[in-house]
Amino acid sequence: MGPNPSEEAAQKLEQLLESLIKMVGNANKNVDSLQRRVSQLEWLIKEQQSSSRETNPIRIYS
């Protein structure tokens, strides 16, 4: 005799919950990776802007 319907439903629900937890974990890893890349790009842009100001200072002539 197999498991009763309520046990089957509980097992399926548990499997679904585990799958959802894994999906959310993977999504969080992707977001963290994306945030790191955005931070790196922001830093590179700031560095590039500051180095271009040093090499080509703005001159105002009157």
PDB file of N, CA and C in Angstrom:
ATOM      1  N   MET A   1       0.842  -1.196   0.000  1.00  0.00           N
ATOM      2  CA  MET A   1       0.000   0.000   0.000  1.00  0.00           C
ATOM      3  C   MET A   1       0.879   1.249   0.000  1.00  0.00           C
ATOM      4  N   GLY A   2       0.615   2.238  -0.897  1.00  0.00           N
ATOM      5  CA  GLY A   2       1.425   3.444  -1.028  1.00  0.00           C
ATOM      6  C   GLY A   2       1.032   4.505  -0.018  1.00  0.00           C
ATOM      7  N   PRO A   3       1.714   5.609  -0.071  1.00  0.00           N
ATOM      8  CA  PRO A   3       1.396   6.701   0.857  1.00  0.00           C
ATOM      9  C   PRO A   3       0.017   7.270   0.568  1.00  0.00           C
ATOM     10  N   ASN A   4      -0.611   7.764   1.600  1.00  0.00           N
ATOM     11  CA  ASN A   4      -1.950   8.322   1.395  1.00  0.00           C
ATOM     12  C   ASN A   4      -1.850   9.676   0.679  1.00  0.00           C
ATOM     13  N   PRO A   5      -2.961  10.127   0.111  1.00  0.00           N
ATOM     14  CA  PRO A   5      -2.941  11.365  -0.693  1.00  0.00           C
ATOM     15  C   PRO A   5      -2.412  12.587   0.060  1.00  0.00           C
ATOM     16  N   SER A   6      -2.693  12.706   1.345  1.00  0.00           N
ATOM     17  CA  SER A   6      -2.210  13.885   2.074  1.00  0.00           C
ATOM     18  C   SER A   6      -0.696  13.827   2.256  1.00  0.00           C
ATOM     19  N   GLU A   7      -0.132  12.621   2.400  1.00  0.00           N
ATOM     20  CA  GLU A   7       1.330  12.490   2.489  1.00  0.00           C
ATOM     21  C   GLU A   7       1.985  12.833   1.153  1.00  0.00           C
ATOM     22  N   GLU A   8       1.360  12.388   0.066  1.00  0.00           N
ATOM     23  CA  GLU A   8       1.873  12.710  -1.274  1.00  0.00           C
ATOM     24  C   GLU A   8       1.850  14.217  -1.508  1.00  0.00           C
ATOM     25  N   ALA A   9       0.757  14.840  -1.129  1.00  0.00           N
ATOM     26  CA  ALA A   9       0.627  16.290  -1.306  1.00  0.00           C
ATOM     27  C   ALA A   9       1.674  17.016  -0.466  1.00  0.00           C
ATOM     28  N   ALA A  10       1.915  16.549   0.750  1.00  0.00           N
ATOM     29  CA  ALA A  10       2.920  17.173   1.616  1.00  0.00           C
ATOM     30  C   ALA A  10       4.313  17.021   1.017  1.00  0.00           C
ATOM     31  N   GLN A  11       4.618  15.857   0.448  1.00  0.00           N
ATOM     32  CA  GLN A  11       5.924  15.639  -0.189  1.00  0.00           C
ATOM     33  C   GLN A  11       6.101  16.544  -1.401  1.00  0.00           C
ATOM     34  N   LYS A  12       5.056  16.649  -2.225  1.00  0.00           N
ATOM     35  CA  LYS A  12       5.128  17.506  -3.415  1.00  0.00           C
ATOM     36  C   LYS A  12       5.304  18.972  -3.017  1.00  0.00           C
ATOM     37  N   LEU A  13       4.595  19.367  -1.967  1.00  0.00           N
ATOM     38  CA  LEU A  13       4.707  20.737  -1.491  1.00  0.00           C
ATOM     39  C   LEU A  13       6.113  21.004  -0.961  1.00  0.00           C
ATOM     40  N   GLU A  14       6.673  20.048  -0.256  1.00  0.00           N
ATOM     41  CA  GLU A  14       8.036  20.191   0.271  1.00  0.00           C
ATOM     42  C   GLU A  14       9.043  20.297  -0.878  1.00  0.00           C
ATOM     43  N   GLN A  15       8.876  19.471  -1.926  1.00  0.00           N
ATOM     44  CA  GLN A  15       9.769  19.533  -3.080  1.00  0.00           C
ATOM     45  C   GLN A  15       9.659  20.877  -3.793  1.00  0.00           C
ATOM     46  N   LEU A  16       8.434  21.360  -3.907  1.00  0.00           N
ATOM     47  CA  LEU A  16       8.216  22.659  -4.541  1.00  0.00           C
ATOM     48  C   LEU A  16       8.888  23.763  -3.735  1.00  0.00           C
ATOM     49  N   LEU A  17       8.742  23.717  -2.427  1.00  0.00           N
ATOM     50  CA  LEU A  17       9.345  24.716  -1.555  1.00  0.00           C
ATOM     51  C   LEU A  17      10.869  24.692  -1.677  1.00  0.00           C
ATOM     52  N   GLU A  18      11.456  23.499  -1.702  1.00  0.00           N
ATOM     53  CA  GLU A  18      12.907  23.378  -1.862  1.00  0.00           C
ATOM     54  C   GLU A  18      13.359  23.957  -3.195  1.00  0.00           C
ATOM     55  N   SER A  19      12.596  23.681  -4.255  1.00  0.00           N
ATOM     56  CA  SER A  19      12.932  24.226  -5.579  1.00  0.00           C
ATOM     57  C   SER A  19      12.865  25.752  -5.576  1.00  0.00           C
ATOM     58  N   LEU A  20      11.833  26.300  -4.942  1.00  0.00           N
ATOM     59  CA  LEU A  20      11.692  27.756  -4.877  1.00  0.00           C
ATOM     60  C   LEU A  20      12.837  28.384  -4.091  1.00  0.00           C
ATOM     61  N   ILE A  21      13.242  27.742  -2.990  1.00  0.00           N
ATOM     62  CA  ILE A  21      14.349  28.260  -2.188  1.00  0.00           C
ATOM     63  C   ILE A  21      15.635  28.277  -3.010  1.00  0.00           C
ATOM     64  N   LYS A  22      15.870  27.215  -3.777  1.00  0.00           N
ATOM     65  CA  LYS A  22      17.061  27.168  -4.635  1.00  0.00           C
ATOM     66  C   LYS A  22      17.003  28.262  -5.696  1.00  0.00           C
ATOM     67  N   MET A  23      15.826  28.467  -6.291  1.00  0.00           N
ATOM     68  CA  MET A  23      15.675  29.490  -7.325  1.00  0.00           C
ATOM     69  C   MET A  23      15.957  30.882  -6.760  1.00  0.00           C
ATOM     70  N   VAL A  24      15.427  31.148  -5.571  1.00  0.00           N
ATOM     71  CA  VAL A  24      15.642  32.455  -4.942  1.00  0.00           C
ATOM     72  C   VAL A  24      17.122  32.632  -4.614  1.00  0.00           C
ATOM     73  N   GLY A  25      17.763  31.570  -4.126  1.00  0.00           N
ATOM     74  CA  GLY A  25      19.197  31.634  -3.834  1.00  0.00           C
ATOM     75  C   GLY A  25      20.006  31.945  -5.078  1.00  0.00           C
ATOM     76  N   ASN A  26      19.681  31.280  -6.185  1.00  0.00           N
ATOM     77  CA  ASN A  26      20.389  31.548  -7.442  1.00  0.00           C
ATOM     78  C   ASN A  26      20.139  32.969  -7.928  1.00  0.00           C
ATOM     79  N   ALA A  27      18.917  33.440  -7.783  1.00  0.00           N
ATOM     80  CA  ALA A  27      18.595  34.810  -8.203  1.00  0.00           C
ATOM     81  C   ALA A  27      19.383  35.813  -7.361  1.00  0.00           C
ATOM     82  N   ASN A  28      19.509  35.555  -6.059  1.00  0.00           N
ATOM     83  CA  ASN A  28      20.275  36.451  -5.181  1.00  0.00           C
ATOM     84  C   ASN A  28      21.745  36.477  -5.583  1.00  0.00           C
ATOM     85  N   LYS A  29      22.302  35.315  -5.952  1.00  0.00           N
ATOM     86  CA  LYS A  29      23.698  35.271  -6.406  1.00  0.00           C
ATOM     87  C   LYS A  29      23.868  36.118  -7.656  1.00  0.00           C
ATOM     88  N   ASN A  30      22.909  36.010  -8.574  1.00  0.00           N
ATOM     89  CA  ASN A  30      22.983  36.795  -9.815  1.00  0.00           C
ATOM     90  C   ASN A  30      22.897  38.289  -9.529  1.00  0.00           C
ATOM     91  N   VAL A  31      22.036  38.672  -8.599  1.00  0.00           N
ATOM     92  CA  VAL A  31      21.899  40.090  -8.238  1.00  0.00           C
ATOM     93  C   VAL A  31      23.192  40.588  -7.600  1.00  0.00           C
ATOM     94  N   ASP A  32      23.782  39.788  -6.707  1.00  0.00           N
ATOM     95  CA  ASP A  32      25.034  40.176  -6.064  1.00  0.00           C
ATOM     96  C   ASP A  32      26.138  40.361  -7.097  1.00  0.00           C
ATOM     97  N   SER A  33      26.214  39.440  -8.041  1.00  0.00           N
ATOM     98  CA  SER A  33      27.222  39.528  -9.096  1.00  0.00           C
ATOM     99  C   SER A  33      27.007  40.782  -9.936  1.00  0.00           C
ATOM    100  N   LEU A  34      25.768  41.058 -10.277  1.00  0.00           N
ATOM    101  CA  LEU A  34      25.447  42.234 -11.068  1.00  0.00           C
ATOM    102  C   LEU A  34      25.795  43.518 -10.305  1.00  0.00           C
ATOM    103  N   GLN A  35      25.499  43.544  -8.996  1.00  0.00           N
ATOM    104  CA  GLN A  35      25.821  44.725  -8.193  1.00  0.00           C
ATOM    105  C   GLN A  35      27.329  44.959  -8.134  1.00  0.00           C
ATOM    106  N   ARG A  36      28.103  43.878  -8.023  1.00  0.00           N
ATOM    107  CA  ARG A  36      29.567  44.014  -8.026  1.00  0.00           C
ATOM    108  C   ARG A  36      30.054  44.589  -9.351  1.00  0.00           C
ATOM    109  N   ARG A  37      29.500  44.099 -10.446  1.00  0.00           N
ATOM    110  CA  ARG A  37      29.914  44.596 -11.757  1.00  0.00           C
ATOM    111  C   ARG A  37      29.553  46.070 -11.941  1.00  0.00           C
ATOM    112  N   VAL A  38      28.371  46.447 -11.471  1.00  0.00           N
ATOM    113  CA  VAL A  38      27.950  47.851 -11.569  1.00  0.00           C
ATOM    114  C   VAL A  38      28.880  48.729 -10.735  1.00  0.00           C
ATOM    115  N   SER A  39      29.241  48.260  -9.544  1.00  0.00           N
ATOM    116  CA  SER A  39      30.158  49.018  -8.692  1.00  0.00           C
ATOM    117  C   SER A  39      31.514  49.179  -9.367  1.00  0.00           C
ATOM    118  N   GLN A  40      31.999  48.106  -9.998  1.00  0.00           N
ATOM    119  CA  GLN A  40      33.277  48.186 -10.714  1.00  0.00           C
ATOM    120  C   GLN A  40      33.202  49.200 -11.851  1.00  0.00           C
ATOM    121  N   LEU A  41      32.100  49.167 -12.593  1.00  0.00           N
ATOM    122  CA  LEU A  41      31.937  50.123 -13.693  1.00  0.00           C
ATOM    123  C   LEU A  41      31.882  51.563 -13.183  1.00  0.00           C
ATOM    124  N   GLU A  42      31.156  51.775 -12.086  1.00  0.00           N
ATOM    125  CA  GLU A  42      31.073  53.121 -11.511  1.00  0.00           C
ATOM    126  C   GLU A  42      32.460  53.607 -11.095  1.00  0.00           C
ATOM    127  N   TRP A  43      33.228  52.717 -10.465  1.00  0.00           N
ATOM    128  CA  TRP A  43      34.574  53.079 -10.027  1.00  0.00           C
ATOM    129  C   TRP A  43      35.449  53.414 -11.236  1.00  0.00           C
ATOM    130  N   LEU A  44      35.380  52.572 -12.287  1.00  0.00           N
ATOM    131  CA  LEU A  44      36.184  52.825 -13.486  1.00  0.00           C
ATOM    132  C   LEU A  44      35.815  54.150 -14.143  1.00  0.00           C
ATOM    133  N   ILE A  45      34.523  54.449 -14.202  1.00  0.00           N
ATOM    134  CA  ILE A  45      34.073  55.711 -14.802  1.00  0.00           C
ATOM    135  C   ILE A  45      34.602  56.891 -13.989  1.00  0.00           C
ATOM    136  N   LYS A  46      34.524  56.820 -12.661  1.00  0.00           N
ATOM    137  CA  LYS A  46      35.034  57.907 -11.807  1.00  0.00           C
ATOM    138  C   LYS A  46      36.537  58.076 -11.991  1.00  0.00           C
ATOM    139  N   GLU A  47      37.258  56.940 -12.045  1.00  0.00           N
ATOM    140  CA  GLU A  47      38.710  57.005 -12.258  1.00  0.00           C
ATOM    141  C   GLU A  47      39.035  57.645 -13.600  1.00  0.00           C
ATOM    142  N   GLN A  48      38.294  57.246 -14.627  1.00  0.00           N
ATOM    143  CA  GLN A  48      38.536  57.788 -15.959  1.00  0.00           C
ATOM    144  C   GLN A  48      38.245  59.286 -15.998  1.00  0.00           C
ATOM    145  N   GLN A  49      37.168  59.697 -15.341  1.00  0.00           N
ATOM    146  CA  GLN A  49      36.810  61.111 -15.306  1.00  0.00           C
ATOM    147  C   GLN A  49      37.871  61.922 -14.561  1.00  0.00           C
ATOM    148  N   SER A  50      38.335  61.402 -13.432  1.00  0.00           N
ATOM    149  CA  SER A  50      39.324  62.153 -12.653  1.00  0.00           C
ATOM    150  C   SER A  50      40.663  62.204 -13.377  1.00  0.00           C
ATOM    151  N   SER A  51      41.041  61.120 -14.070  1.00  0.00           N
ATOM    152  CA  SER A  51      42.318  61.148 -14.793  1.00  0.00           C
ATOM    153  C   SER A  51      42.226  62.060 -16.009  1.00  0.00           C
ATOM    154  N   SER A  52      41.069  62.137 -16.645  1.00  0.00           N
ATOM    155  CA  SER A  52      40.935  63.040 -17.798  1.00  0.00           C
ATOM    156  C   SER A  52      40.947  64.490 -17.341  1.00  0.00           C
ATOM    157  N   ARG A  53      40.460  64.771 -16.155  1.00  0.00           N
ATOM    158  CA  ARG A  53      40.517  66.144 -15.626  1.00  0.00           C
ATOM    159  C   ARG A  53      41.954  66.540 -15.323  1.00  0.00           C
ATOM    160  N   GLU A  54      42.745  65.578 -14.828  1.00  0.00           N
ATOM    161  CA  GLU A  54      44.142  65.873 -14.507  1.00  0.00           C
ATOM    162  C   GLU A  54      44.954  66.129 -15.774  1.00  0.00           C
ATOM    163  N   THR A  55      44.705  65.364 -16.817  1.00  0.00           N
ATOM    164  CA  THR A  55      45.490  65.517 -18.045  1.00  0.00           C
ATOM    165  C   THR A  55      44.980  66.652 -18.906  1.00  0.00           C
ATOM    166  N   ASN A  56      43.693  66.947 -18.860  1.00  0.00           N
ATOM    167  CA  ASN A  56      43.096  68.019 -19.657  1.00  0.00           C
ATOM    168  C   ASN A  56      42.270  68.932 -18.770  1.00  0.00           C
ATOM    169  N   PRO A  57      42.941  69.747 -17.958  1.00  0.00           N
ATOM    170  CA  PRO A  57      42.150  70.638 -17.092  1.00  0.00           C
ATOM    171  C   PRO A  57      41.365  71.648 -17.936  1.00  0.00           C
ATOM    172  N   ILE A  58      40.217  71.995 -17.442  1.00  0.00           N
ATOM    173  CA  ILE A  58      39.381  72.953 -18.151  1.00  0.00           C
ATOM    174  C   ILE A  58      39.966  74.351 -17.951  1.00  0.00           C
ATOM    175  N   ARG A  59      40.142  75.046 -19.063  1.00  0.00           N
ATOM    176  CA  ARG A  59      40.687  76.390 -18.998  1.00  0.00           C
ATOM    177  C   ARG A  59      39.623  77.365 -19.472  1.00  0.00           C
ATOM    178  N   ILE A  60      39.405  78.381 -18.702  1.00  0.00           N
ATOM    179  CA  ILE A  60      38.433  79.410 -19.074  1.00  0.00           C
ATOM    180  C   ILE A  60      39.196  80.677 -19.413  1.00  0.00           C
ATOM    181  N   TYR A  61      39.024  81.135 -20.630  1.00  0.00           N
ATOM    182  CA  TYR A  61      39.688  82.374 -21.065  1.00  0.00           C
ATOM    183  C   TYR A  61      38.675  83.497 -21.074  1.00  0.00           C
ATOM    184  N   SER A  62      39.130  84.654 -20.611  1.00  0.00           N
ATOM    185  CA  SER A  62      38.210  85.798 -20.608  1.00  0.00           C
ATOM    186  C   SER A  62      38.509  86.722 -21.751  1.00  0.00           C
TER     187      SER A  62
END
